[in-house]
């Protein structure tokens, strides 16, 4: 979704318009609204009257999004694999902290 916003920096979209625009990926409107709220909070996009628009709050964020876009366009599988590895390690740490696997200590 963030890459979608970066590709259309001059336009503002409702959550419904974004869901339609990024098809065939399956994303619901409520999920899109949740993602957008996170992006607004972190200063990646802006929101006005229920419409969301690309708008990094700082030049550093803009550079980072540009780098993300470049890497995604050049090596999408590598980027997605890296993201999953980060998520998996965080889930593993969370699981370990609660001993969710049932290991005996």
Foldseek 3Di string as FASTA:
>chain_A
DLVVQVVVQVDWAALVVVCVVPPPPDDDSVRSVVVQVVCCVQQQWHDDPRIIHGGRPDVVSVVVSVVVNVCCVVPVVVVVVVVVVVVVVVVVVVCVVVVVVVDDD
